[in-house]
Amino acid sequence: MHRKLRLRNRQDFNRIYRGGRSFANSQFVVYWSRKPEVEKFRLGVSVSKKLGNAVVRNRMRRVIKEIVRLQADKIVDHIDFILIARKPSVSMKSKELERSVLHVLRKANLLKPYPDRKPVP
């Protein structure tokens, strides 16, 4: 994931937590807010110490960033968002985590619509 697509500053995290919207499923919480100055999107990942030791937390962080990197073309532009991992996500496989991340992003309406897909009757 490119450096310019990451949220790093405490001020950015606080701005999103205070002024953003949130959606959740049992594995993840997403906080997001619009940021017109940003070209694509920026991602912040938060993994609590309650989930495990540093190895577990860093693995979760890496897996989440990779999932978002692979799905970057599906995510809407001009937003900042934070993905927070919850306890059930630790025991899941990568494919299940990917499905869960896409689910919470779809729930938050942060995925682009499918232009070529026809509605099913």
C-alpha atoms as a PDB file:
ATOM      1  CA  MET A   1       0.000   0.000   0.000  1.00  0.00           C
ATOM      2  CA  HIS A   2       1.408   3.368  -1.014  1.00  0.00           C
ATOM      3  CA  ARG A   3       2.579   5.707   1.689  1.00  0.00           C
ATOM      4  CA  LYS A   4       0.263   8.503   0.515  1.00  0.00           C
ATOM      5  CA  LEU A   5      -2.754   6.181   0.907  1.00  0.00           C
ATOM      6  CA  ARG A   6      -2.143   5.745   4.645  1.00  0.00           C
ATOM      7  CA  LEU A   7      -3.519   7.709   7.569  1.00  0.00           C
ATOM      8  CA  ARG A   8      -0.744   8.342  10.057  1.00  0.00           C
ATOM      9  CA  ASN A   9      -1.528  11.523  12.038  1.00  0.00           C
ATOM     10  CA  ARG A  10      -3.440  11.556  15.294  1.00  0.00           C
ATOM     11  CA  GLN A  11      -5.313  14.650  14.063  1.00  0.00           C
ATOM     12  CA  ASP A  12      -6.636  12.712  11.042  1.00  0.00           C
ATOM     13  CA  PHE A  13      -7.764   9.814  13.232  1.00  0.00           C
ATOM     14  CA  ASN A  14      -9.457  12.193  15.693  1.00  0.00           C
ATOM     15  CA  ARG A  15     -11.169  14.108  12.856  1.00  0.00           C
ATOM     16  CA  ILE A  16     -12.628  10.881  11.479  1.00  0.00           C
ATOM     17  CA  TYR A  17     -13.665   9.539  14.895  1.00  0.00           C
ATOM     18  CA  ARG A  18     -15.384  12.815  15.866  1.00  0.00           C
ATOM     19  CA  GLY A  19     -16.902  13.960  12.583  1.00  0.00           C
ATOM     20  CA  GLY A  20     -17.182  10.766  10.595  1.00  0.00           C
ATOM     21  CA  ARG A  21     -19.793   8.073  10.259  1.00  0.00           C
ATOM     22  CA  SER A  22     -19.436   4.499  11.442  1.00  0.00           C
ATOM     23  CA  PHE A  23     -20.689   1.075  10.408  1.00  0.00           C
ATOM     24  CA  ALA A  24     -19.890  -2.327  11.837  1.00  0.00           C
ATOM     25  CA  ASN A  25     -20.257  -6.051  11.529  1.00  0.00           C
ATOM     26  CA  SER A  26     -19.074  -8.659  14.030  1.00  0.00           C
ATOM     27  CA  GLN A  27     -15.451  -8.592  12.793  1.00  0.00           C
ATOM     28  CA  PHE A  28     -14.797  -4.942  11.838  1.00  0.00           C
ATOM     29  CA  VAL A  29     -15.851  -1.364  12.472  1.00  0.00           C
ATOM     30  CA  VAL A  30     -15.316   1.278   9.798  1.00  0.00           C
ATOM     31  CA  TYR A  31     -15.250   5.012  10.516  1.00  0.00           C
ATOM     32  CA  TRP A  32     -15.139   7.277   7.478  1.00  0.00           C
ATOM     33  CA  SER A  33     -15.416  10.882   6.356  1.00  0.00           C
ATOM     34  CA  ARG A  34     -15.153  12.741   3.072  1.00  0.00           C
ATOM     35  CA  LYS A  35     -11.887  14.443   2.203  1.00  0.00           C
ATOM     36  CA  PRO A  36     -12.106  16.217  -1.216  1.00  0.00           C
ATOM     37  CA  GLU A  37      -8.378  17.052  -1.280  1.00  0.00           C
ATOM     38  CA  VAL A  38      -7.433  13.362  -1.343  1.00  0.00           C
ATOM     39  CA  GLU A  39      -7.048  11.818  -4.806  1.00  0.00           C
ATOM     40  CA  LYS A  40      -8.186   8.268  -4.065  1.00  0.00           C
ATOM     41  CA  PHE A  41      -8.719   7.243  -0.456  1.00  0.00           C
ATOM     42  CA  ARG A  42      -6.625   6.973   2.680  1.00  0.00           C
ATOM     43  CA  LEU A  43      -6.725   4.066   5.117  1.00  0.00           C
ATOM     44  CA  GLY A  44      -5.947   3.798   8.792  1.00  0.00           C
ATOM     45  CA  VAL A  45      -5.946   0.462  10.595  1.00  0.00           C
ATOM     46  CA  SER A  46      -6.481   0.041  14.323  1.00  0.00           C
ATOM     47  CA  VAL A  47      -5.911  -3.247  16.144  1.00  0.00           C
ATOM     48  CA  SER A  48      -6.345  -3.273  19.924  1.00  0.00           C
ATOM     49  CA  LYS A  49      -4.078  -5.002  22.431  1.00  0.00           C
ATOM     50  CA  LYS A  50      -7.148  -7.004  23.445  1.00  0.00           C
ATOM     51  CA  LEU A  51      -6.742  -9.034  20.239  1.00  0.00           C
ATOM     52  CA  GLY A  52      -3.368 -10.489  21.132  1.00  0.00           C
ATOM     53  CA  ASN A  53       0.339  -9.863  21.323  1.00  0.00           C
ATOM     54  CA  ALA A  54       2.361  -7.765  18.865  1.00  0.00           C
ATOM     55  CA  VAL A  55       2.748 -10.642  16.409  1.00  0.00           C
ATOM     56  CA  VAL A  56      -1.015 -11.153  16.172  1.00  0.00           C
ATOM     57  CA  ARG A  57      -1.744  -7.420  15.916  1.00  0.00           C
ATOM     58  CA  ASN A  58       0.860  -6.799  13.223  1.00  0.00           C
ATOM     59  CA  ARG A  59      -0.331  -9.801  11.219  1.00  0.00           C
ATOM     60  CA  MET A  60      -3.905  -8.486  11.331  1.00  0.00           C
ATOM     61  CA  ARG A  61      -2.698  -5.045  10.263  1.00  0.00           C
ATOM     62  CA  ARG A  62      -0.744  -6.479   7.320  1.00  0.00           C
ATOM     63  CA  VAL A  63      -3.624  -8.710   6.186  1.00  0.00           C
ATOM     64  CA  ILE A  64      -6.136  -5.849   6.338  1.00  0.00           C
ATOM     65  CA  LYS A  65      -3.848  -3.516   4.364  1.00  0.00           C
ATOM     66  CA  GLU A  66      -3.303  -6.207   1.732  1.00  0.00           C
ATOM     67  CA  ILE A  67      -7.046  -6.826   1.392  1.00  0.00           C
ATOM     68  CA  VAL A  68      -7.672  -3.107   0.881  1.00  0.00           C
ATOM     69  CA  ARG A  69      -4.752  -2.865  -1.572  1.00  0.00           C
ATOM     70  CA  LEU A  70      -6.201  -5.676  -3.688  1.00  0.00           C
ATOM     71  CA  GLN A  71      -9.704  -4.152  -3.597  1.00  0.00           C
ATOM     72  CA  ALA A  72      -8.562  -0.532  -4.102  1.00  0.00           C
ATOM     73  CA  ASP A  73     -10.261  -0.175  -7.478  1.00  0.00           C
ATOM     74  CA  LYS A  74     -13.645  -0.959  -5.860  1.00  0.00           C
ATOM     75  CA  ILE A  75     -13.386   1.676  -3.112  1.00  0.00           C
ATOM     76  CA  VAL A  76     -14.826   5.153  -3.703  1.00  0.00           C
ATOM     77  CA  ASP A  77     -12.500   8.140  -4.050  1.00  0.00           C
ATOM     78  CA  HIS A  78     -12.039  11.225  -1.850  1.00  0.00           C
ATOM     79  CA  ILE A  79     -12.543   9.550   1.534  1.00  0.00           C
ATOM     80  CA  ASP A  80     -10.518   8.778   4.627  1.00  0.00           C
ATOM     81  CA  PHE A  81     -11.490   5.661   6.543  1.00  0.00           C
ATOM     82  CA  ILE A  82     -10.338   3.666   9.539  1.00  0.00           C
ATOM     83  CA  LEU A  83     -10.831  -0.086   9.858  1.00  0.00           C
ATOM     84  CA  ILE A  84     -10.892  -1.389  13.420  1.00  0.00           C
ATOM     85  CA  ALA A  85     -10.473  -5.128  13.926  1.00  0.00           C
ATOM     86  CA  ARG A  86     -12.611  -6.898  16.518  1.00  0.00           C
ATOM     87  CA  LYS A  87     -11.827 -10.090  18.441  1.00  0.00           C
ATOM     88  CA  PRO A  88     -13.594 -12.604  16.105  1.00  0.00           C
ATOM     89  CA  SER A  89     -11.420 -11.498  13.181  1.00  0.00           C
ATOM     90  CA  VAL A  90      -8.267 -12.993  14.735  1.00  0.00           C
ATOM     91  CA  SER A  91      -9.345 -16.595  14.175  1.00  0.00           C
ATOM     92  CA  MET A  92     -10.513 -16.082  10.569  1.00  0.00           C
ATOM     93  CA  LYS A  93      -8.723 -17.045   7.363  1.00  0.00           C
ATOM     94  CA  SER A  94      -7.694 -14.403   4.827  1.00  0.00           C
ATOM     95  CA  LYS A  95     -10.538 -15.136   2.402  1.00  0.00           C
ATOM     96  CA  GLU A  96     -13.117 -14.837   5.207  1.00  0.00           C
ATOM     97  CA  LEU A  97     -11.494 -11.575   6.336  1.00  0.00           C
ATOM     98  CA  GLU A  98     -11.700 -10.250   2.787  1.00  0.00           C
ATOM     99  CA  ARG A  99     -15.407 -11.075   2.615  1.00  0.00           C
ATOM    100  CA  SER A 100     -15.975  -9.405   5.968  1.00  0.00           C
ATOM    101  CA  VAL A 101     -14.067  -6.237   5.014  1.00  0.00           C
ATOM    102  CA  LEU A 102     -16.020  -5.963   1.759  1.00  0.00           C
ATOM    103  CA  HIS A 103     -19.253  -6.517   3.690  1.00  0.00           C
ATOM    104  CA  VAL A 104     -18.601  -3.685   6.132  1.00  0.00           C
ATOM    105  CA  LEU A 105     -17.464  -1.365   3.299  1.00  0.00           C
ATOM    106  CA  ARG A 106     -20.602  -2.214   1.313  1.00  0.00           C
ATOM    107  CA  LYS A 107     -22.694  -1.559   4.431  1.00  0.00           C
ATOM    108  CA  ALA A 108     -21.039   1.866   4.764  1.00  0.00           C
ATOM    109  CA  ASN A 109     -21.666   2.507   1.043  1.00  0.00           C
ATOM    110  CA  LEU A 110     -17.925   2.918   0.384  1.00  0.00           C
ATOM    111  CA  LEU A 111     -17.779   0.568  -2.599  1.00  0.00           C
ATOM    112  CA  LYS A 112     -18.231   1.826  -6.154  1.00  0.00           C
ATOM    113  CA  PRO A 113     -21.383   0.681  -7.943  1.00  0.00           C
ATOM    114  CA  TYR A 114     -20.979  -1.987 -10.616  1.00  0.00           C
ATOM    115  CA  PRO A 115     -21.448  -0.186 -13.961  1.00  0.00           C
ATOM    116  CA  ASP A 116     -21.387  -3.308 -16.115  1.00  0.00           C
ATOM    117  CA  ARG A 117     -23.554  -5.528 -13.915  1.00  0.00           C
ATOM    118  CA  LYS A 118     -27.189  -5.925 -14.893  1.00  0.00           C
ATOM    119  CA  PRO A 119     -29.850  -6.155 -12.182  1.00  0.00           C
ATOM    120  CA  VAL A 120     -31.190  -9.624 -11.503  1.00  0.00           C
ATOM    121  CA  PRO A 121     -34.991  -9.849 -11.944  1.00  0.00           C
END
